[in-house]
Structures are given as structure tokens and as C-alpha cells.
Amino acid sequence: MKAKDFDQAFEQGEDISKHLNLNTARRSELEQKRVNVDFPVWMVHQLDKEAKRLGVTRQSIIKMWLAEHLKEAA
């Protein structure tokens, strides 16, 4: 199926799922990328304390706080 026909079918509300391979579909902005960040020991202790208080992992709290800050900055 040509892209033009695919787009037209989608715009007309047709079921296009038969033309998609959902096993390999990806949402590029949600893919994970590993990064390494060095923190001072005092900061790690504070992160761990706050993460424990909230019942989440250190990684989760770092991601949550970064996401909040990036949304505010946008």
C-alpha cells in the first residue's frame, strides 16, 4: 500500500491495523536511553531519603523531578 493510500484510509476512519506490524511498532520519544550521571554522596543520600519517603526508587525520583523541571522550563 502506498503512503498516500494509507494516509487517505486513515483520514477516512478505515481500519488500517491490518497494514501495521504492531510487534515492532515504537514510540520514538518514549524509547529508553541509558546515561551515567555522577552525584556527590550527600546528594545520593538525600535522593535515597526522599525516594524512601515516597516509596519509589532513586531512579524514579530523579526521572520524576527532571520531567517536572523540563515541563516547567518548556
PDB file of N, CA and C in Angstrom:
ATOM      1  N   MET A   1       0.838  -1.171   0.000  1.00  0.00           N
ATOM      2  CA  MET A   1       0.000   0.000   0.000  1.00  0.00           C
ATOM      3  C   MET A   1       0.889   1.242   0.000  1.00  0.00           C
ATOM      4  N   LYS A   2       0.582   2.164  -0.836  1.00  0.00           N
ATOM      5  CA  LYS A   2       1.349   3.404  -0.906  1.00  0.00           C
ATOM      6  C   LYS A   2       0.995   4.295   0.279  1.00  0.00           C
ATOM      7  N   ALA A   3       1.940   5.120   0.672  1.00  0.00           N
ATOM      8  CA  ALA A   3       1.741   6.013   1.817  1.00  0.00           C
ATOM      9  C   ALA A   3       0.521   6.911   1.614  1.00  0.00           C
ATOM     10  N   LYS A   4       0.332   7.381   0.390  1.00  0.00           N
ATOM     11  CA  LYS A   4      -0.808   8.252   0.080  1.00  0.00           C
ATOM     12  C   LYS A   4      -2.124   7.519   0.354  1.00  0.00           C
ATOM     13  N   ASP A   5      -2.214   6.258  -0.078  1.00  0.00           N
ATOM     14  CA  ASP A   5      -3.420   5.460   0.141  1.00  0.00           C
ATOM     15  C   ASP A   5      -3.614   5.145   1.623  1.00  0.00           C
ATOM     16  N   PHE A   6      -2.517   4.873   2.296  1.00  0.00           N
ATOM     17  CA  PHE A   6      -2.549   4.593   3.730  1.00  0.00           C
ATOM     18  C   PHE A   6      -3.087   5.811   4.484  1.00  0.00           C
ATOM     19  N   ASP A   7      -2.543   6.987   4.182  1.00  0.00           N
ATOM     20  CA  ASP A   7      -2.988   8.226   4.820  1.00  0.00           C
ATOM     21  C   ASP A   7      -4.462   8.495   4.547  1.00  0.00           C
ATOM     22  N   GLN A   8      -4.875   8.268   3.327  1.00  0.00           N
ATOM     23  CA  GLN A   8      -6.263   8.506   2.948  1.00  0.00           C
ATOM     24  C   GLN A   8      -7.197   7.561   3.715  1.00  0.00           C
ATOM     25  N   ALA A   9      -6.816   6.300   3.809  1.00  0.00           N
ATOM     26  CA  ALA A   9      -7.623   5.331   4.547  1.00  0.00           C
ATOM     27  C   ALA A   9      -7.724   5.731   6.013  1.00  0.00           C
ATOM     28  N   PHE A  10      -6.618   6.169   6.589  1.00  0.00           N
ATOM     29  CA  PHE A  10      -6.615   6.613   7.984  1.00  0.00           C
ATOM     30  C   PHE A  10      -7.538   7.809   8.173  1.00  0.00           C
ATOM     31  N   GLU A  11      -7.400   8.793   7.289  1.00  0.00           N
ATOM     32  CA  GLU A  11      -8.224  10.005   7.382  1.00  0.00           C
ATOM     33  C   GLU A  11      -9.715   9.703   7.239  1.00  0.00           C
ATOM     34  N   GLN A  12     -10.040   8.660   6.509  1.00  0.00           N
ATOM     35  CA  GLN A  12     -11.442   8.287   6.312  1.00  0.00           C
ATOM     36  C   GLN A  12     -11.963   7.388   7.434  1.00  0.00           C
ATOM     37  N   GLY A  13     -11.107   7.119   8.417  1.00  0.00           N
ATOM     38  CA  GLY A  13     -11.519   6.333   9.574  1.00  0.00           C
ATOM     39  C   GLY A  13     -11.537   4.839   9.334  1.00  0.00           C
ATOM     40  N   GLU A  14     -10.909   4.387   8.279  1.00  0.00           N
ATOM     41  CA  GLU A  14     -10.861   2.951   7.996  1.00  0.00           C
ATOM     42  C   GLU A  14      -9.910   2.249   8.961  1.00  0.00           C
ATOM     43  N   ASP A  15     -10.108   0.962   9.139  1.00  0.00           N
ATOM     44  CA  ASP A  15      -9.227   0.157   9.982  1.00  0.00           C
ATOM     45  C   ASP A  15      -7.933  -0.104   9.213  1.00  0.00           C
ATOM     46  N   ILE A  16      -6.863   0.517   9.655  1.00  0.00           N
ATOM     47  CA  ILE A  16      -5.569   0.366   8.970  1.00  0.00           C
ATOM     48  C   ILE A  16      -4.659  -0.613   9.699  1.00  0.00           C
ATOM     49  N   SER A  17      -5.148  -1.197  10.789  1.00  0.00           N
ATOM     50  CA  SER A  17      -4.301  -2.061  11.607  1.00  0.00           C
ATOM     51  C   SER A  17      -3.759  -3.263  10.840  1.00  0.00           C
ATOM     52  N   LYS A  18      -4.493  -3.737   9.837  1.00  0.00           N
ATOM     53  CA  LYS A  18      -4.009  -4.892   9.072  1.00  0.00           C
ATOM     54  C   LYS A  18      -2.752  -4.556   8.265  1.00  0.00           C
ATOM     55  N   HIS A  19      -2.464  -3.279   8.099  1.00  0.00           N
ATOM     56  CA  HIS A  19      -1.285  -2.841   7.352  1.00  0.00           C
ATOM     57  C   HIS A  19      -0.095  -2.533   8.267  1.00  0.00           C
ATOM     58  N   LEU A  20      -0.283  -2.712   9.564  1.00  0.00           N
ATOM     59  CA  LEU A  20       0.764  -2.383  10.536  1.00  0.00           C
ATOM     60  C   LEU A  20       1.302  -3.636  11.197  1.00  0.00           C
ATOM     61  N   ASN A  21       2.588  -3.630  11.498  1.00  0.00           N
ATOM     62  CA  ASN A  21       3.194  -4.685  12.292  1.00  0.00           C
ATOM     63  C   ASN A  21       3.366  -4.129  13.703  1.00  0.00           C
ATOM     64  N   LEU A  22       2.381  -4.381  14.562  1.00  0.00           N
ATOM     65  CA  LEU A  22       2.393  -3.812  15.901  1.00  0.00           C
ATOM     66  C   LEU A  22       3.427  -4.463  16.812  1.00  0.00           C
ATOM     67  N   ASN A  23       3.987  -5.590  16.408  1.00  0.00           N
ATOM     68  CA  ASN A  23       5.030  -6.238  17.207  1.00  0.00           C
ATOM     69  C   ASN A  23       6.328  -5.443  17.190  1.00  0.00           C
ATOM     70  N   THR A  24       6.539  -4.661  16.140  1.00  0.00           N
ATOM     71  CA  THR A  24       7.772  -3.887  16.039  1.00  0.00           C
ATOM     72  C   THR A  24       7.518  -2.385  16.118  1.00  0.00           C
ATOM     73  N   ALA A  25       6.284  -1.985  16.405  1.00  0.00           N
ATOM     74  CA  ALA A  25       5.954  -0.560  16.491  1.00  0.00           C
ATOM     75  C   ALA A  25       6.647   0.064  17.698  1.00  0.00           C
ATOM     76  N   ARG A  26       7.099   1.303  17.546  1.00  0.00           N
ATOM     77  CA  ARG A  26       7.794   2.010  18.621  1.00  0.00           C
ATOM     78  C   ARG A  26       7.338   3.456  18.665  1.00  0.00           C
ATOM     79  N   ARG A  27       7.375   4.009  19.840  1.00  0.00           N
ATOM     80  CA  ARG A  27       7.114   5.436  20.009  1.00  0.00           C
ATOM     81  C   ARG A  27       8.468   6.059  20.326  1.00  0.00           C
ATOM     82  N   SER A  28       9.067   6.679  19.339  1.00  0.00           N
ATOM     83  CA  SER A  28      10.467   7.097  19.435  1.00  0.00           C
ATOM     84  C   SER A  28      10.762   8.002  20.617  1.00  0.00           C
ATOM     85  N   GLU A  29       9.851   8.852  21.013  1.00  0.00           N
ATOM     86  CA  GLU A  29      10.113   9.752  22.131  1.00  0.00           C
ATOM     87  C   GLU A  29      10.058   9.040  23.479  1.00  0.00           C
ATOM     88  N   LEU A  30       9.555   7.808  23.509  1.00  0.00           N
ATOM     89  CA  LEU A  30       9.456   7.080  24.765  1.00  0.00           C
ATOM     90  C   LEU A  30      10.496   5.976  24.894  1.00  0.00           C
ATOM     91  N   GLU A  31      11.345   5.823  23.892  1.00  0.00           N
ATOM     92  CA  GLU A  31      12.409   4.828  23.992  1.00  0.00           C
ATOM     93  C   GLU A  31      13.369   5.230  25.098  1.00  0.00           C
ATOM     94  N   GLN A  32      13.975   4.241  25.719  1.00  0.00           N
ATOM     95  CA  GLN A  32      14.907   4.496  26.813  1.00  0.00           C
ATOM     96  C   GLN A  32      16.327   4.656  26.276  1.00  0.00           C
ATOM     97  N   LYS A  33      17.081   5.531  26.900  1.00  0.00           N
ATOM     98  CA  LYS A  33      18.500   5.687  26.596  1.00  0.00           C
ATOM     99  C   LYS A  33      19.232   5.792  27.921  1.00  0.00           C
ATOM    100  N   ARG A  34      20.200   4.951  28.107  1.00  0.00           N
ATOM    101  CA  ARG A  34      20.953   4.935  29.357  1.00  0.00           C
ATOM    102  C   ARG A  34      21.981   6.067  29.367  1.00  0.00           C
ATOM    103  N   VAL A  35      22.032   6.779  30.491  1.00  0.00           N
ATOM    104  CA  VAL A  35      23.043   7.823  30.701  1.00  0.00           C
ATOM    105  C   VAL A  35      23.639   7.624  32.086  1.00  0.00           C
ATOM    106  N   ASN A  36      24.866   8.038  32.240  1.00  0.00           N
ATOM    107  CA  ASN A  36      25.534   7.963  33.534  1.00  0.00           C
ATOM    108  C   ASN A  36      25.706   9.367  34.082  1.00  0.00           C
ATOM    109  N   VAL A  37      25.353   9.546  35.331  1.00  0.00           N
ATOM    110  CA  VAL A  37      25.482  10.842  35.990  1.00  0.00           C
ATOM    111  C   VAL A  37      26.155  10.614  37.332  1.00  0.00           C
ATOM    112  N   ASP A  38      27.153  11.406  37.617  1.00  0.00           N
ATOM    113  CA  ASP A  38      27.828  11.321  38.917  1.00  0.00           C
ATOM    114  C   ASP A  38      27.246  12.373  39.849  1.00  0.00           C
ATOM    115  N   PHE A  39      26.853  11.935  41.058  1.00  0.00           N
ATOM    116  CA  PHE A  39      26.309  12.825  42.073  1.00  0.00           C
ATOM    117  C   PHE A  39      27.216  12.805  43.291  1.00  0.00           C
ATOM    118  N   PRO A  40      27.294  13.917  44.006  1.00  0.00           N
ATOM    119  CA  PRO A  40      28.021  13.889  45.281  1.00  0.00           C
ATOM    120  C   PRO A  40      27.297  12.953  46.262  1.00  0.00           C
ATOM    121  N   VAL A  41      28.039  12.383  47.184  1.00  0.00           N
ATOM    122  CA  VAL A  41      27.488  11.415  48.126  1.00  0.00           C
ATOM    123  C   VAL A  41      26.322  12.015  48.915  1.00  0.00           C
ATOM    124  N   TRP A  42      26.443  13.253  49.344  1.00  0.00           N
ATOM    125  CA  TRP A  42      25.364  13.868  50.126  1.00  0.00           C
ATOM    126  C   TRP A  42      24.065  13.911  49.323  1.00  0.00           C
ATOM    127  N   MET A  43      24.187  14.123  48.004  1.00  0.00           N
ATOM    128  CA  MET A  43      23.009  14.205  47.155  1.00  0.00           C
ATOM    129  C   MET A  43      22.356  12.822  47.000  1.00  0.00           C
ATOM    130  N   VAL A  44      23.168  11.805  46.884  1.00  0.00           N
ATOM    131  CA  VAL A  44      22.647  10.444  46.783  1.00  0.00           C
ATOM    132  C   VAL A  44      21.892  10.090  48.063  1.00  0.00           C
ATOM    133  N   HIS A  45      22.446  10.476  49.209  1.00  0.00           N
ATOM    134  CA  HIS A  45      21.775  10.207  50.481  1.00  0.00           C
ATOM    135  C   HIS A  45      20.419  10.921  50.551  1.00  0.00           C
ATOM    136  N   GLN A  46      20.385  12.162  50.109  1.00  0.00           N
ATOM    137  CA  GLN A  46      19.137  12.921  50.116  1.00  0.00           C
ATOM    138  C   GLN A  46      18.126  12.324  49.141  1.00  0.00           C
ATOM    139  N   LEU A  47      18.611  11.926  47.965  1.00  0.00           N
ATOM    140  CA  LEU A  47      17.729  11.288  46.986  1.00  0.00           C
ATOM    141  C   LEU A  47      17.135  10.000  47.548  1.00  0.00           C
ATOM    142  N   ASP A  48      17.977   9.199  48.179  1.00  0.00           N
ATOM    143  CA  ASP A  48      17.512   7.941  48.757  1.00  0.00           C
ATOM    144  C   ASP A  48      16.495   8.179  49.864  1.00  0.00           C
ATOM    145  N   LYS A  49      16.744   9.184  50.689  1.00  0.00           N
ATOM    146  CA  LYS A  49      15.826   9.512  51.784  1.00  0.00           C
ATOM    147  C   LYS A  49      14.460   9.924  51.236  1.00  0.00           C
ATOM    148  N   GLU A  50      14.457  10.788  50.238  1.00  0.00           N
ATOM    149  CA  GLU A  50      13.201  11.253  49.651  1.00  0.00           C
ATOM    150  C   GLU A  50      12.501  10.132  48.879  1.00  0.00           C
ATOM    151  N   ALA A  51      13.272   9.315  48.176  1.00  0.00           N
ATOM    152  CA  ALA A  51      12.695   8.192  47.435  1.00  0.00           C
ATOM    153  C   ALA A  51      12.026   7.217  48.403  1.00  0.00           C
ATOM    154  N   LYS A  52      12.671   6.945  49.519  1.00  0.00           N
ATOM    155  CA  LYS A  52      12.092   6.039  50.512  1.00  0.00           C
ATOM    156  C   LYS A  52      10.805   6.632  51.080  1.00  0.00           C
ATOM    157  N   ARG A  53      10.815   7.925  51.355  1.00  0.00           N
ATOM    158  CA  ARG A  53       9.629   8.587  51.891  1.00  0.00           C
ATOM    159  C   ARG A  53       8.446   8.465  50.931  1.00  0.00           C
ATOM    160  N   LEU A  54       8.734   8.577  49.625  1.00  0.00           N
ATOM    161  CA  LEU A  54       7.686   8.499  48.613  1.00  0.00           C
ATOM    162  C   LEU A  54       7.380   7.070  48.173  1.00  0.00           C
ATOM    163  N   GLY A  55       8.232   6.128  48.574  1.00  0.00           N
ATOM    164  CA  GLY A  55       8.013   4.731  48.208  1.00  0.00           C
ATOM    165  C   GLY A  55       8.361   4.421  46.762  1.00  0.00           C
ATOM    166  N   VAL A  56       9.378   5.107  46.252  1.00  0.00           N
ATOM    167  CA  VAL A  56       9.835   4.876  44.878  1.00  0.00           C
ATOM    168  C   VAL A  56      11.335   4.631  44.887  1.00  0.00           C
ATOM    169  N   THR A  57      11.881   4.282  43.743  1.00  0.00           N
ATOM    170  CA  THR A  57      13.323   4.067  43.642  1.00  0.00           C
ATOM    171  C   THR A  57      14.040   5.392  43.415  1.00  0.00           C
ATOM    172  N   ARG A  58      15.331   5.375  43.645  1.00  0.00           N
ATOM    173  CA  ARG A  58      16.155   6.567  43.382  1.00  0.00           C
ATOM    174  C   ARG A  58      16.019   6.979  41.917  1.00  0.00           C
ATOM    175  N   GLN A  59      16.080   6.022  41.023  1.00  0.00           N
ATOM    176  CA  GLN A  59      15.980   6.327  39.596  1.00  0.00           C
ATOM    177  C   GLN A  59      14.636   6.980  39.281  1.00  0.00           C
ATOM    178  N   SER A  60      13.576   6.477  39.884  1.00  0.00           N
ATOM    179  CA  SER A  60      12.249   7.032  39.636  1.00  0.00           C
ATOM    180  C   SER A  60      12.145   8.478  40.085  1.00  0.00           C
ATOM    181  N   ILE A  61      12.677   8.775  41.254  1.00  0.00           N
ATOM    182  CA  ILE A  61      12.564  10.146  41.751  1.00  0.00           C
ATOM    183  C   ILE A  61      13.385  11.104  40.901  1.00  0.00           C
ATOM    184  N   ILE A  62      14.535  10.660  40.445  1.00  0.00           N
ATOM    185  CA  ILE A  62      15.353  11.501  39.561  1.00  0.00           C
ATOM    186  C   ILE A  62      14.588  11.779  38.270  1.00  0.00           C
ATOM    187  N   LYS A  63      13.991  10.748  37.688  1.00  0.00           N
ATOM    188  CA  LYS A  63      13.230  10.935  36.441  1.00  0.00           C
ATOM    189  C   LYS A  63      12.014  11.822  36.665  1.00  0.00           C
ATOM    190  N   MET A  64      11.320  11.630  37.777  1.00  0.00           N
ATOM    191  CA  MET A  64      10.135  12.454  38.064  1.00  0.00           C
ATOM    192  C   MET A  64      10.522  13.920  38.200  1.00  0.00           C
ATOM    193  N   TRP A  65      11.562  14.196  38.968  1.00  0.00           N
ATOM    194  CA  TRP A  65      11.964  15.586  39.192  1.00  0.00           C
ATOM    195  C   TRP A  65      12.492  16.230  37.916  1.00  0.00           C
ATOM    196  N   LEU A  66      13.247  15.482  37.138  1.00  0.00           N
ATOM    197  CA  LEU A  66      13.732  16.036  35.863  1.00  0.00           C
ATOM    198  C   LEU A  66      12.577  16.323  34.919  1.00  0.00           C
ATOM    199  N   ALA A  67      11.619  15.403  34.844  1.00  0.00           N
ATOM    200  CA  ALA A  67      10.458  15.617  33.965  1.00  0.00           C
ATOM    201  C   ALA A  67       9.675  16.850  34.398  1.00  0.00           C
ATOM    202  N   GLU A  68       9.468  17.010  35.711  1.00  0.00           N
ATOM    203  CA  GLU A  68       8.751  18.197  36.210  1.00  0.00           C
ATOM    204  C   GLU A  68       9.483  19.472  35.833  1.00  0.00           C
ATOM    205  N   HIS A  69      10.786  19.480  36.035  1.00  0.00           N
ATOM    206  CA  HIS A  69      11.573  20.671  35.734  1.00  0.00           C
ATOM    207  C   HIS A  69      11.562  20.984  34.236  1.00  0.00           C
ATOM    208  N   LEU A  70      11.692  19.963  33.406  1.00  0.00           N
ATOM    209  CA  LEU A  70      11.691  20.179  31.959  1.00  0.00           C
ATOM    210  C   LEU A  70      10.334  20.684  31.459  1.00  0.00           C
ATOM    211  N   LYS A  71       9.241  20.193  32.057  1.00  0.00           N
ATOM    212  CA  LYS A  71       7.917  20.685  31.683  1.00  0.00           C
ATOM    213  C   LYS A  71       7.745  22.144  32.062  1.00  0.00           C
ATOM    214  N   GLU A  72       8.242  22.511  33.239  1.00  0.00           N
ATOM    215  CA  GLU A  72       8.152  23.902  33.682  1.00  0.00           C
ATOM    216  C   GLU A  72       8.980  24.813  32.791  1.00  0.00           C
ATOM    217  N   ALA A  73      10.127  24.319  32.348  1.00  0.00           N
ATOM    218  CA  ALA A  73      11.038  25.134  31.540  1.00  0.00           C
ATOM    219  C   ALA A  73      10.525  25.308  30.094  1.00  0.00           C
ATOM    220  N   ALA A  74       9.666  24.384  29.664  1.00  0.00           N
ATOM    221  CA  ALA A  74       9.203  24.418  28.271  1.00  0.00           C
ATOM    222  C   ALA A  74       8.196  25.520  28.005  1.00  0.00           C
TER     223      ALA A  74
END
